[in-house]
Amino acid sequence: MKSKLHVTYRQLENLLLQLGFVETGRDDKAIVYQHSGADSLILLPAKGSDRDARGADLMSVERHLVGWGYLEEADFEDFLQTGALSVESR
């Protein structure tokens, strides 16, 4: 996984929403996202949506999205470089 200088939690949230995930729960520590067509769940920290995402969280999201077929690895790498999902990936 290549890394860009900054990917924020807000950018990760936008990626998940573009891929069909919806927020299904929230507390003071975490936000739960579930894919509308499956039982797939992703958790992100609830605080600091404009903070840079931790490497461990980026790796977890990448493994989930690529492993479950929501996104190709190359498309996630592009996201890490630009902070946005390319039109061709949608």
Protein backbone atom coordinates (compact mmCIF):
# COMPACT_ATOMS: atom_id res chain seq x y z
CA MET A 1 0.00 0.00 0.00
CA LYS A 2 1.48 3.28 -1.12
CA SER A 3 0.61 6.26 0.96
CA LYS A 4 -0.11 9.86 0.08
CA LEU A 5 0.79 12.56 2.52
CA HIS A 6 -2.69 12.95 3.97
CA VAL A 7 -5.92 10.98 3.74
CA THR A 8 -8.46 12.14 6.29
CA TYR A 9 -11.20 10.19 7.97
CA ARG A 10 -13.69 12.40 6.11
CA GLN A 11 -12.18 11.25 2.80
CA LEU A 12 -12.46 7.61 3.95
CA GLU A 13 -16.09 8.20 4.90
CA ASN A 14 -16.81 9.74 1.48
CA LEU A 15 -15.20 6.72 -0.20
CA LEU A 16 -17.38 4.32 1.79
CA LEU A 17 -20.54 6.29 1.00
CA GLN A 18 -19.69 6.33 -2.72
CA LEU A 19 -19.30 2.55 -2.62
CA GLY A 20 -22.76 2.00 -1.11
CA PHE A 21 -21.97 1.92 2.61
CA VAL A 22 -24.26 3.73 5.04
CA GLU A 23 -23.69 4.85 8.60
CA THR A 24 -25.61 2.46 10.85
CA GLY A 25 -24.32 3.36 14.29
CA ARG A 26 -22.24 5.81 16.24
CA ASP A 27 -21.02 6.32 19.77
CA ASP A 28 -18.30 8.45 21.32
CA LYS A 29 -15.55 6.08 20.06
CA ALA A 30 -16.57 4.70 16.67
CA ILE A 31 -18.78 5.06 13.63
CA VAL A 32 -20.17 1.89 12.05
CA TYR A 33 -20.64 1.67 8.28
CA GLN A 34 -22.52 -1.20 6.67
CA HIS A 35 -22.79 -2.02 3.00
CA SER A 36 -26.38 -1.86 1.81
CA GLY A 37 -26.15 -5.15 -0.10
CA ALA A 38 -24.29 -7.30 2.44
CA ASP A 39 -23.41 -7.82 6.07
CA SER A 40 -20.06 -6.04 5.63
CA LEU A 41 -19.15 -3.69 8.48
CA ILE A 42 -16.35 -1.14 8.74
CA LEU A 43 -15.55 0.83 11.90
CA LEU A 44 -13.82 4.21 11.90
CA PRO A 45 -12.94 6.44 14.86
CA ALA A 46 -15.71 8.91 15.74
CA LYS A 47 -13.48 11.82 16.66
CA GLY A 48 -11.60 14.08 14.29
CA SER A 49 -13.00 13.54 10.79
CA ASP A 50 -10.49 16.08 9.48
CA ARG A 51 -7.58 14.27 11.10
CA ASP A 52 -5.22 12.19 9.01
CA ALA A 53 -6.28 8.54 9.01
CA ARG A 54 -3.92 6.18 10.80
CA GLY A 55 -2.02 3.69 8.67
CA ALA A 56 -3.69 0.77 10.45
CA ASP A 57 -7.14 2.15 9.59
CA LEU A 58 -6.17 2.68 5.94
CA MET A 59 -4.87 -0.89 5.72
CA SER A 60 -8.02 -2.26 7.34
CA VAL A 61 -10.32 -0.39 4.96
CA GLU A 62 -8.21 -1.44 1.97
CA ARG A 63 -8.26 -5.13 2.96
CA HIS A 64 -12.00 -5.01 3.48
CA LEU A 65 -12.88 -3.18 0.27
CA VAL A 66 -10.50 -5.14 -1.95
CA GLY A 67 -11.07 -8.48 -0.21
CA TRP A 68 -14.85 -8.26 -0.50
CA GLY A 69 -14.68 -7.01 -4.09
CA TYR A 70 -16.02 -3.50 -3.56
CA LEU A 71 -12.92 -1.94 -5.11
CA GLU A 72 -9.84 -3.00 -7.06
CA GLU A 73 -6.48 -2.61 -5.32
CA ALA A 74 -5.26 -0.18 -8.02
CA ASP A 75 -8.34 1.99 -7.46
CA PHE A 76 -7.64 2.12 -3.72
CA GLU A 77 -4.02 3.07 -4.45
CA ASP A 78 -5.32 5.90 -6.67
CA PHE A 79 -7.60 7.00 -3.82
CA LEU A 80 -4.60 7.14 -1.48
CA GLN A 81 -2.79 9.41 -3.93
CA THR A 82 -5.69 11.75 -4.73
CA GLY A 83 -8.05 11.47 -1.75
CA ALA A 84 -10.97 10.78 -4.09
CA LEU A 85 -12.47 7.89 -6.01
CA SER A 86 -11.96 8.21 -9.75
CA VAL A 87 -15.03 8.30 -12.00
CA GLU A 88 -13.93 5.09 -13.76
CA SER A 89 -13.95 3.19 -10.42
CA ARG A 90 -17.57 3.91 -9.53
